[in-house]
N, C-alpha and C. Protein backbone atom coordinates (compact mmCIF):
# COMPACT_ATOMS: atom_id res chain seq x y z
N MET A 1 -12.17 -32.48 14.33
CA MET A 1 -13.51 -31.99 14.04
C MET A 1 -13.61 -30.54 14.50
N SER A 2 -14.25 -29.69 13.73
CA SER A 2 -14.35 -28.28 14.10
C SER A 2 -15.71 -28.00 14.74
N ASP A 3 -15.73 -26.97 15.52
CA ASP A 3 -16.96 -26.52 16.16
C ASP A 3 -17.52 -25.40 15.31
N THR A 4 -18.63 -25.65 14.61
CA THR A 4 -19.21 -24.65 13.72
C THR A 4 -20.42 -23.95 14.32
N ALA A 5 -20.76 -24.29 15.55
CA ALA A 5 -21.89 -23.63 16.21
C ALA A 5 -21.58 -22.15 16.36
N GLY A 6 -22.45 -21.32 15.88
CA GLY A 6 -22.27 -19.88 16.00
C GLY A 6 -21.29 -19.30 15.00
N ALA A 7 -20.88 -20.09 14.00
CA ALA A 7 -19.96 -19.60 12.98
C ALA A 7 -20.67 -18.61 12.07
N PRO A 8 -19.93 -17.64 11.54
CA PRO A 8 -20.56 -16.70 10.61
C PRO A 8 -21.06 -17.41 9.36
N ALA A 9 -21.99 -16.81 8.67
CA ALA A 9 -22.59 -17.40 7.47
C ALA A 9 -21.56 -17.65 6.37
N ASN A 10 -20.46 -16.92 6.39
CA ASN A 10 -19.45 -17.08 5.34
C ASN A 10 -18.57 -18.31 5.54
N GLY A 11 -18.78 -19.05 6.63
CA GLY A 11 -18.04 -20.27 6.88
C GLY A 11 -16.66 -20.07 7.49
N ARG A 12 -16.25 -18.86 7.69
CA ARG A 12 -14.95 -18.57 8.29
C ARG A 12 -15.07 -18.47 9.81
N VAL A 13 -13.96 -18.58 10.46
CA VAL A 13 -13.89 -18.33 11.90
C VAL A 13 -13.53 -16.86 12.08
N TYR A 14 -14.31 -16.15 12.83
CA TYR A 14 -13.94 -14.78 13.18
C TYR A 14 -12.87 -14.90 14.26
N VAL A 15 -11.61 -14.81 13.86
CA VAL A 15 -10.52 -15.07 14.80
C VAL A 15 -10.50 -14.06 15.95
N ASP A 16 -11.02 -12.87 15.72
CA ASP A 16 -11.10 -11.89 16.80
C ASP A 16 -12.09 -12.33 17.87
N LYS A 17 -13.16 -12.97 17.46
CA LYS A 17 -14.16 -13.45 18.42
C LYS A 17 -13.74 -14.80 19.02
N GLN A 18 -13.10 -15.63 18.22
CA GLN A 18 -12.68 -16.96 18.68
C GLN A 18 -11.56 -16.87 19.71
N SER A 19 -10.67 -15.89 19.54
CA SER A 19 -9.51 -15.71 20.43
C SER A 19 -9.49 -14.28 20.95
N PRO A 20 -10.44 -13.93 21.82
CA PRO A 20 -10.59 -12.54 22.24
C PRO A 20 -9.38 -11.97 22.99
N LYS A 21 -8.66 -12.80 23.73
CA LYS A 21 -7.48 -12.28 24.44
C LYS A 21 -6.42 -11.82 23.46
N ALA A 22 -6.19 -12.60 22.43
CA ALA A 22 -5.20 -12.23 21.43
C ALA A 22 -5.64 -10.96 20.70
N TYR A 23 -6.94 -10.90 20.35
CA TYR A 23 -7.44 -9.71 19.66
C TYR A 23 -7.36 -8.48 20.56
N HIS A 24 -7.68 -8.65 21.82
CA HIS A 24 -7.60 -7.53 22.76
C HIS A 24 -6.17 -7.01 22.85
N ALA A 25 -5.20 -7.91 22.81
CA ALA A 25 -3.78 -7.50 22.83
C ALA A 25 -3.46 -6.68 21.59
N LEU A 26 -4.02 -7.07 20.44
CA LEU A 26 -3.81 -6.31 19.21
C LEU A 26 -4.44 -4.92 19.30
N VAL A 27 -5.62 -4.85 19.89
CA VAL A 27 -6.28 -3.55 20.09
C VAL A 27 -5.45 -2.68 21.02
N GLN A 28 -4.91 -3.26 22.08
CA GLN A 28 -4.04 -2.50 22.98
C GLN A 28 -2.79 -2.00 22.26
N THR A 29 -2.25 -2.83 21.39
CA THR A 29 -1.10 -2.41 20.58
C THR A 29 -1.49 -1.22 19.70
N ALA A 30 -2.65 -1.30 19.07
CA ALA A 30 -3.13 -0.20 18.22
C ALA A 30 -3.29 1.08 19.03
N ASP A 31 -3.79 0.97 20.25
CA ASP A 31 -3.93 2.15 21.11
C ASP A 31 -2.56 2.76 21.42
N ALA A 32 -1.58 1.90 21.72
CA ALA A 32 -0.22 2.38 22.00
C ALA A 32 0.40 3.02 20.76
N VAL A 33 0.16 2.43 19.61
CA VAL A 33 0.70 2.98 18.36
C VAL A 33 0.06 4.32 18.04
N ARG A 34 -1.25 4.43 18.26
CA ARG A 34 -1.95 5.71 18.03
C ARG A 34 -1.35 6.80 18.92
N ALA A 35 -1.07 6.47 20.18
CA ALA A 35 -0.46 7.43 21.11
C ALA A 35 0.96 7.77 20.66
N THR A 36 1.71 6.77 20.22
CA THR A 36 3.08 6.99 19.73
C THR A 36 3.07 7.92 18.53
N ALA A 37 2.13 7.71 17.62
CA ALA A 37 2.02 8.56 16.43
C ALA A 37 1.70 10.00 16.82
N ALA A 38 0.78 10.17 17.74
CA ALA A 38 0.43 11.52 18.19
C ALA A 38 1.62 12.19 18.87
N GLU A 39 2.32 11.45 19.72
CA GLU A 39 3.50 12.01 20.41
C GLU A 39 4.61 12.37 19.41
N ALA A 40 4.69 11.64 18.31
CA ALA A 40 5.71 11.91 17.30
C ALA A 40 5.32 13.10 16.42
N GLY A 41 4.06 13.54 16.53
CA GLY A 41 3.61 14.69 15.74
C GLY A 41 2.89 14.32 14.46
N LEU A 42 2.52 13.05 14.30
CA LEU A 42 1.76 12.66 13.11
C LEU A 42 0.29 12.99 13.35
N ASP A 43 -0.30 13.74 12.44
CA ASP A 43 -1.70 14.07 12.62
C ASP A 43 -2.58 12.90 12.19
N ARG A 44 -3.83 12.96 12.60
CA ARG A 44 -4.77 11.86 12.34
C ARG A 44 -4.95 11.60 10.86
N LEU A 45 -4.93 12.65 10.04
CA LEU A 45 -5.09 12.47 8.59
C LEU A 45 -3.96 11.62 8.02
N LEU A 46 -2.74 11.89 8.42
CA LEU A 46 -1.61 11.11 7.90
C LEU A 46 -1.70 9.66 8.36
N VAL A 47 -2.07 9.44 9.60
CA VAL A 47 -2.24 8.08 10.11
C VAL A 47 -3.30 7.35 9.30
N GLU A 48 -4.40 8.02 9.01
CA GLU A 48 -5.48 7.38 8.24
C GLU A 48 -5.05 7.14 6.79
N LEU A 49 -4.26 8.02 6.21
CA LEU A 49 -3.74 7.77 4.86
C LEU A 49 -2.89 6.50 4.84
N VAL A 50 -2.05 6.33 5.85
CA VAL A 50 -1.23 5.12 5.96
C VAL A 50 -2.14 3.90 6.12
N ASN A 51 -3.11 3.99 7.02
CA ASN A 51 -4.04 2.87 7.21
C ASN A 51 -4.74 2.50 5.91
N LEU A 52 -5.16 3.50 5.17
CA LEU A 52 -5.87 3.25 3.92
C LEU A 52 -4.96 2.68 2.84
N ARG A 53 -3.77 3.23 2.70
CA ARG A 53 -2.88 2.75 1.64
C ARG A 53 -2.49 1.29 1.89
N VAL A 54 -2.17 0.95 3.12
CA VAL A 54 -1.83 -0.44 3.45
C VAL A 54 -3.04 -1.34 3.20
N SER A 55 -4.21 -0.90 3.58
CA SER A 55 -5.43 -1.69 3.37
C SER A 55 -5.74 -1.85 1.89
N GLN A 56 -5.43 -0.84 1.07
CA GLN A 56 -5.58 -0.97 -0.38
C GLN A 56 -4.66 -2.07 -0.92
N ILE A 57 -3.40 -2.02 -0.51
CA ILE A 57 -2.43 -3.01 -0.98
C ILE A 57 -2.87 -4.42 -0.60
N ASN A 58 -3.36 -4.58 0.62
CA ASN A 58 -3.76 -5.90 1.11
C ASN A 58 -5.14 -6.32 0.63
N GLY A 59 -5.92 -5.38 0.10
CA GLY A 59 -7.26 -5.70 -0.37
C GLY A 59 -8.23 -6.00 0.75
N CYS A 60 -8.14 -5.26 1.83
CA CYS A 60 -9.02 -5.48 2.98
C CYS A 60 -10.22 -4.54 2.92
N ALA A 61 -11.32 -5.05 2.41
CA ALA A 61 -12.53 -4.23 2.26
C ALA A 61 -13.02 -3.68 3.59
N TYR A 62 -13.02 -4.52 4.62
CA TYR A 62 -13.52 -4.09 5.92
C TYR A 62 -12.70 -2.90 6.45
N CYS A 63 -11.37 -3.02 6.43
CA CYS A 63 -10.52 -1.94 6.94
C CYS A 63 -10.59 -0.70 6.05
N LEU A 64 -10.75 -0.90 4.74
CA LEU A 64 -10.92 0.25 3.85
C LEU A 64 -12.18 1.02 4.23
N ASP A 65 -13.25 0.32 4.51
CA ASP A 65 -14.49 0.97 4.92
C ASP A 65 -14.31 1.73 6.23
N VAL A 66 -13.75 1.07 7.22
CA VAL A 66 -13.56 1.69 8.54
C VAL A 66 -12.67 2.93 8.43
N HIS A 67 -11.55 2.81 7.73
CA HIS A 67 -10.58 3.92 7.71
C HIS A 67 -10.93 5.01 6.71
N THR A 68 -11.74 4.71 5.71
CA THR A 68 -12.25 5.78 4.84
C THR A 68 -13.17 6.69 5.65
N ARG A 69 -14.06 6.06 6.42
CA ARG A 69 -14.96 6.86 7.27
C ARG A 69 -14.17 7.66 8.30
N ALA A 70 -13.13 7.06 8.89
CA ALA A 70 -12.30 7.77 9.88
C ALA A 70 -11.57 8.93 9.23
N ALA A 71 -11.06 8.74 8.03
CA ALA A 71 -10.35 9.82 7.33
C ALA A 71 -11.29 10.97 7.00
N LEU A 72 -12.49 10.65 6.57
CA LEU A 72 -13.46 11.70 6.27
C LEU A 72 -13.84 12.47 7.54
N ARG A 73 -14.01 11.75 8.65
CA ARG A 73 -14.31 12.42 9.92
C ARG A 73 -13.17 13.33 10.35
N ALA A 74 -11.94 12.95 10.01
CA ALA A 74 -10.76 13.75 10.38
C ALA A 74 -10.54 14.92 9.43
N GLY A 75 -11.36 15.02 8.38
CA GLY A 75 -11.26 16.15 7.48
C GLY A 75 -10.63 15.87 6.13
N GLU A 76 -10.35 14.61 5.82
CA GLU A 76 -9.77 14.27 4.52
C GLU A 76 -10.80 14.54 3.42
N THR A 77 -10.31 14.83 2.21
CA THR A 77 -11.21 15.11 1.10
C THR A 77 -11.46 13.84 0.28
N THR A 78 -12.63 13.79 -0.35
CA THR A 78 -12.94 12.65 -1.21
C THR A 78 -12.02 12.64 -2.42
N ARG A 79 -11.59 13.78 -2.86
CA ARG A 79 -10.68 13.85 -4.02
C ARG A 79 -9.37 13.13 -3.72
N ARG A 80 -8.76 13.44 -2.59
CA ARG A 80 -7.49 12.81 -2.23
C ARG A 80 -7.69 11.32 -1.94
N LEU A 81 -8.80 10.97 -1.31
CA LEU A 81 -9.06 9.56 -1.06
C LEU A 81 -9.23 8.80 -2.38
N GLY A 82 -9.84 9.46 -3.35
CA GLY A 82 -10.08 8.82 -4.64
C GLY A 82 -8.81 8.53 -5.43
N VAL A 83 -7.76 9.30 -5.19
CA VAL A 83 -6.51 9.09 -5.94
C VAL A 83 -5.40 8.49 -5.08
N LEU A 84 -5.73 8.10 -3.86
CA LEU A 84 -4.70 7.60 -2.95
C LEU A 84 -3.93 6.42 -3.54
N ALA A 85 -4.60 5.52 -4.23
CA ALA A 85 -3.91 4.36 -4.80
C ALA A 85 -2.84 4.78 -5.82
N ALA A 86 -2.98 5.97 -6.38
CA ALA A 86 -2.03 6.48 -7.37
C ALA A 86 -1.33 7.74 -6.84
N TRP A 87 -1.03 7.76 -5.58
CA TRP A 87 -0.49 8.96 -4.93
C TRP A 87 0.79 9.46 -5.59
N ARG A 88 1.59 8.58 -6.15
CA ARG A 88 2.85 9.00 -6.79
C ARG A 88 2.59 9.84 -8.05
N ASP A 89 1.41 9.68 -8.64
CA ASP A 89 1.10 10.33 -9.92
C ASP A 89 0.32 11.62 -9.78
N THR A 90 0.20 12.13 -8.55
CA THR A 90 -0.54 13.37 -8.33
C THR A 90 0.32 14.35 -7.54
N GLY A 91 -0.08 15.58 -7.58
CA GLY A 91 0.57 16.60 -6.75
C GLY A 91 -0.24 16.92 -5.51
N LEU A 92 -1.19 16.05 -5.17
CA LEU A 92 -2.11 16.32 -4.07
C LEU A 92 -1.56 15.98 -2.69
N PHE A 93 -0.41 15.30 -2.64
CA PHE A 93 0.14 14.88 -1.36
C PHE A 93 1.46 15.58 -1.11
N THR A 94 1.66 15.99 0.13
CA THR A 94 2.88 16.71 0.50
C THR A 94 4.08 15.76 0.49
N ALA A 95 5.27 16.33 0.54
CA ALA A 95 6.49 15.52 0.60
C ALA A 95 6.46 14.62 1.84
N ARG A 96 6.00 15.14 2.93
CA ARG A 96 5.91 14.38 4.19
C ARG A 96 4.94 13.20 4.04
N GLU A 97 3.77 13.47 3.44
CA GLU A 97 2.79 12.40 3.22
C GLU A 97 3.33 11.36 2.25
N ARG A 98 4.00 11.82 1.20
CA ARG A 98 4.57 10.90 0.21
C ARG A 98 5.63 10.01 0.86
N ALA A 99 6.45 10.59 1.71
CA ALA A 99 7.48 9.80 2.40
C ALA A 99 6.82 8.76 3.30
N ALA A 100 5.78 9.15 4.02
CA ALA A 100 5.09 8.22 4.90
C ALA A 100 4.41 7.11 4.11
N LEU A 101 3.80 7.45 2.99
CA LEU A 101 3.12 6.44 2.17
C LEU A 101 4.12 5.45 1.58
N ALA A 102 5.25 5.94 1.12
CA ALA A 102 6.29 5.05 0.58
C ALA A 102 6.81 4.12 1.68
N LEU A 103 7.01 4.65 2.86
CA LEU A 103 7.49 3.84 3.98
C LEU A 103 6.44 2.80 4.39
N ALA A 104 5.19 3.18 4.37
CA ALA A 104 4.11 2.24 4.69
C ALA A 104 4.06 1.11 3.65
N GLU A 105 4.24 1.46 2.39
CA GLU A 105 4.25 0.44 1.34
C GLU A 105 5.44 -0.50 1.52
N ALA A 106 6.60 0.04 1.85
CA ALA A 106 7.80 -0.78 2.07
C ALA A 106 7.63 -1.68 3.29
N THR A 107 6.91 -1.21 4.29
CA THR A 107 6.65 -2.02 5.48
C THR A 107 5.69 -3.17 5.14
N THR A 108 4.78 -2.91 4.23
CA THR A 108 3.79 -3.90 3.83
C THR A 108 4.38 -4.96 2.92
N ALA A 109 5.36 -4.59 2.12
CA ALA A 109 6.03 -5.53 1.21
C ALA A 109 7.54 -5.46 1.44
N PRO A 110 8.01 -5.94 2.59
CA PRO A 110 9.42 -5.75 2.95
C PRO A 110 10.41 -6.54 2.10
N ALA A 111 9.95 -7.48 1.32
CA ALA A 111 10.87 -8.27 0.50
C ALA A 111 11.47 -7.47 -0.65
N ASP A 112 10.85 -6.35 -1.01
CA ASP A 112 11.38 -5.50 -2.08
C ASP A 112 12.43 -4.58 -1.46
N ALA A 113 13.67 -5.06 -1.42
CA ALA A 113 14.75 -4.34 -0.75
C ALA A 113 15.03 -2.98 -1.38
N LEU A 114 14.97 -2.89 -2.70
CA LEU A 114 15.23 -1.61 -3.37
C LEU A 114 14.16 -0.58 -3.01
N ALA A 115 12.91 -0.98 -3.05
CA ALA A 115 11.82 -0.06 -2.67
C ALA A 115 11.97 0.34 -1.21
N GLN A 116 12.38 -0.59 -0.38
CA GLN A 116 12.58 -0.30 1.03
C GLN A 116 13.67 0.75 1.22
N GLU A 117 14.78 0.61 0.52
CA GLU A 117 15.88 1.58 0.63
C GLU A 117 15.45 2.96 0.13
N ARG A 118 14.75 2.99 -0.99
CA ARG A 118 14.26 4.27 -1.54
C ARG A 118 13.27 4.93 -0.58
N ALA A 119 12.38 4.15 -0.03
CA ALA A 119 11.38 4.68 0.91
C ALA A 119 12.06 5.24 2.15
N TYR A 120 13.03 4.52 2.65
CA TYR A 120 13.72 4.96 3.86
C TYR A 120 14.50 6.24 3.58
N GLU A 121 15.10 6.32 2.41
CA GLU A 121 15.84 7.53 2.03
C GLU A 121 14.90 8.73 1.95
N ALA A 122 13.75 8.54 1.34
CA ALA A 122 12.76 9.62 1.25
C ALA A 122 12.26 10.00 2.64
N ALA A 123 12.04 9.00 3.47
CA ALA A 123 11.57 9.27 4.83
C ALA A 123 12.60 10.08 5.60
N ARG A 124 13.86 9.74 5.44
CA ARG A 124 14.93 10.48 6.13
C ARG A 124 14.94 11.96 5.75
N GLY A 125 14.50 12.26 4.54
CA GLY A 125 14.49 13.65 4.08
C GLY A 125 13.29 14.45 4.53
N SER A 126 12.23 13.77 4.97
CA SER A 126 10.98 14.46 5.31
C SER A 126 10.43 14.20 6.69
N LEU A 127 10.91 13.14 7.35
CA LEU A 127 10.36 12.75 8.65
C LEU A 127 11.46 12.64 9.69
N THR A 128 11.11 12.90 10.93
CA THR A 128 12.05 12.71 12.04
C THR A 128 12.16 11.22 12.36
N ASP A 129 13.13 10.85 13.17
CA ASP A 129 13.25 9.46 13.60
C ASP A 129 11.98 8.99 14.30
N ASP A 130 11.41 9.84 15.15
CA ASP A 130 10.17 9.48 15.85
C ASP A 130 9.03 9.27 14.87
N GLU A 131 8.95 10.12 13.86
CA GLU A 131 7.88 9.98 12.85
C GLU A 131 8.08 8.72 12.02
N ILE A 132 9.32 8.43 11.64
CA ILE A 132 9.61 7.21 10.88
C ILE A 132 9.17 5.99 11.68
N SER A 133 9.57 5.95 12.93
CA SER A 133 9.19 4.83 13.78
C SER A 133 7.67 4.72 13.90
N ALA A 134 7.00 5.83 14.09
CA ALA A 134 5.54 5.81 14.23
C ALA A 134 4.87 5.33 12.95
N VAL A 135 5.32 5.80 11.80
CA VAL A 135 4.74 5.36 10.52
C VAL A 135 4.91 3.85 10.36
N VAL A 136 6.09 3.35 10.66
CA VAL A 136 6.33 1.90 10.55
C VAL A 136 5.40 1.14 11.48
N TRP A 137 5.24 1.61 12.72
CA TRP A 137 4.34 0.94 13.66
C TRP A 137 2.89 1.01 13.21
N VAL A 138 2.46 2.14 12.66
CA VAL A 138 1.10 2.24 12.14
C VAL A 138 0.91 1.21 11.03
N ALA A 139 1.88 1.12 10.12
CA ALA A 139 1.77 0.17 9.01
C ALA A 139 1.79 -1.28 9.50
N ILE A 140 2.64 -1.58 10.46
CA ILE A 140 2.68 -2.94 11.02
C ILE A 140 1.33 -3.30 11.64
N THR A 141 0.77 -2.37 12.37
CA THR A 141 -0.48 -2.63 13.09
C THR A 141 -1.65 -2.80 12.13
N ILE A 142 -1.77 -1.93 11.13
CA ILE A 142 -2.89 -2.08 10.20
C ILE A 142 -2.71 -3.34 9.35
N ASN A 143 -1.47 -3.72 9.05
CA ASN A 143 -1.25 -5.00 8.36
C ASN A 143 -1.82 -6.15 9.19
N ALA A 144 -1.60 -6.13 10.50
CA ALA A 144 -2.13 -7.19 11.37
C ALA A 144 -3.66 -7.18 11.35
N PHE A 145 -4.27 -6.00 11.48
CA PHE A 145 -5.73 -5.92 11.44
C PHE A 145 -6.27 -6.37 10.08
N ASN A 146 -5.56 -6.02 9.00
CA ASN A 146 -5.98 -6.47 7.67
C ASN A 146 -6.05 -7.99 7.63
N ARG A 147 -5.05 -8.63 8.16
CA ARG A 147 -5.03 -10.09 8.13
C ARG A 147 -6.16 -10.69 8.96
N VAL A 148 -6.44 -10.12 10.10
CA VAL A 148 -7.56 -10.58 10.92
C VAL A 148 -8.86 -10.47 10.12
N SER A 149 -9.08 -9.33 9.49
CA SER A 149 -10.34 -9.11 8.77
C SER A 149 -10.42 -9.91 7.48
N ILE A 150 -9.32 -10.01 6.75
CA ILE A 150 -9.33 -10.76 5.50
C ILE A 150 -9.56 -12.24 5.76
N LEU A 151 -8.82 -12.81 6.70
CA LEU A 151 -8.94 -14.24 6.97
C LEU A 151 -10.25 -14.60 7.66
N SER A 152 -10.84 -13.65 8.37
CA SER A 152 -12.15 -13.86 8.98
C SER A 152 -13.28 -13.54 8.01
N LYS A 153 -12.95 -12.88 6.91
CA LYS A 153 -13.94 -12.39 5.94
C LYS A 153 -14.98 -11.51 6.64
N HIS A 154 -14.47 -10.54 7.41
CA HIS A 154 -15.39 -9.59 8.05
C HIS A 154 -16.18 -8.87 6.96
N PRO A 155 -17.49 -8.83 7.09
CA PRO A 155 -18.31 -8.20 6.05
C PRO A 155 -18.33 -6.68 6.19
N VAL A 156 -18.47 -6.03 5.06
CA VAL A 156 -18.75 -4.60 5.04
C VAL A 156 -20.26 -4.50 4.97
N ARG A 157 -20.83 -3.96 6.01
CA ARG A 157 -22.29 -3.90 6.10
C ARG A 157 -22.81 -2.60 5.47
N GLU A 158 -24.02 -2.66 5.03
CA GLU A 158 -24.70 -1.50 4.48
C GLU A 158 -24.80 -0.43 5.57
N ALA A 159 -24.48 0.80 5.22
CA ALA A 159 -24.56 1.89 6.19
C ALA A 159 -26.02 2.21 6.49
N ALA A 160 -26.25 2.58 7.72
CA ALA A 160 -27.61 2.98 8.12
C ALA A 160 -27.96 4.26 7.41
N PRO A 161 -29.21 4.43 6.99
CA PRO A 161 -29.60 5.67 6.33
C PRO A 161 -29.49 6.86 7.26
N VAL A 162 -29.11 7.98 6.70
CA VAL A 162 -29.00 9.23 7.48
C VAL A 162 -30.38 9.82 7.60
N ARG A 163 -30.75 10.17 8.81
CA ARG A 163 -32.09 10.74 9.04
C ARG A 163 -31.98 12.13 9.57
């Protein structure tokens, strides 16, 4: 028998609230990964592009909302955000960003061995070992958060009006 007292209206268990110690460990991992990315020389915009691209692939509305706002705060343009899903078909992303995005996609769908090899080859040409490691960790971490939010059905709430 399940305990539904205090359950969200969508009928799902908010696993982050139900198991706060496990969620807190994931948040601590994200903090360590953010520091690793900064130490490797990845700027906040590139980290947010990776977060967004992985969240697009996974279809995580909650994380897309959170990281779109974070990318805009970090100075990303709406134009680049609008074409991120088709980044291969534009000239708006640098070789370094393209390498990171390909590596993030390969991390998100590791069963595609050919795509993984191509992504790693591109990454080797544009990113240092520290940057490659940081991109992979960013992608692993946002994949975990995507699953928490998707399986919990975290809602995207209406933004408060600007006054």
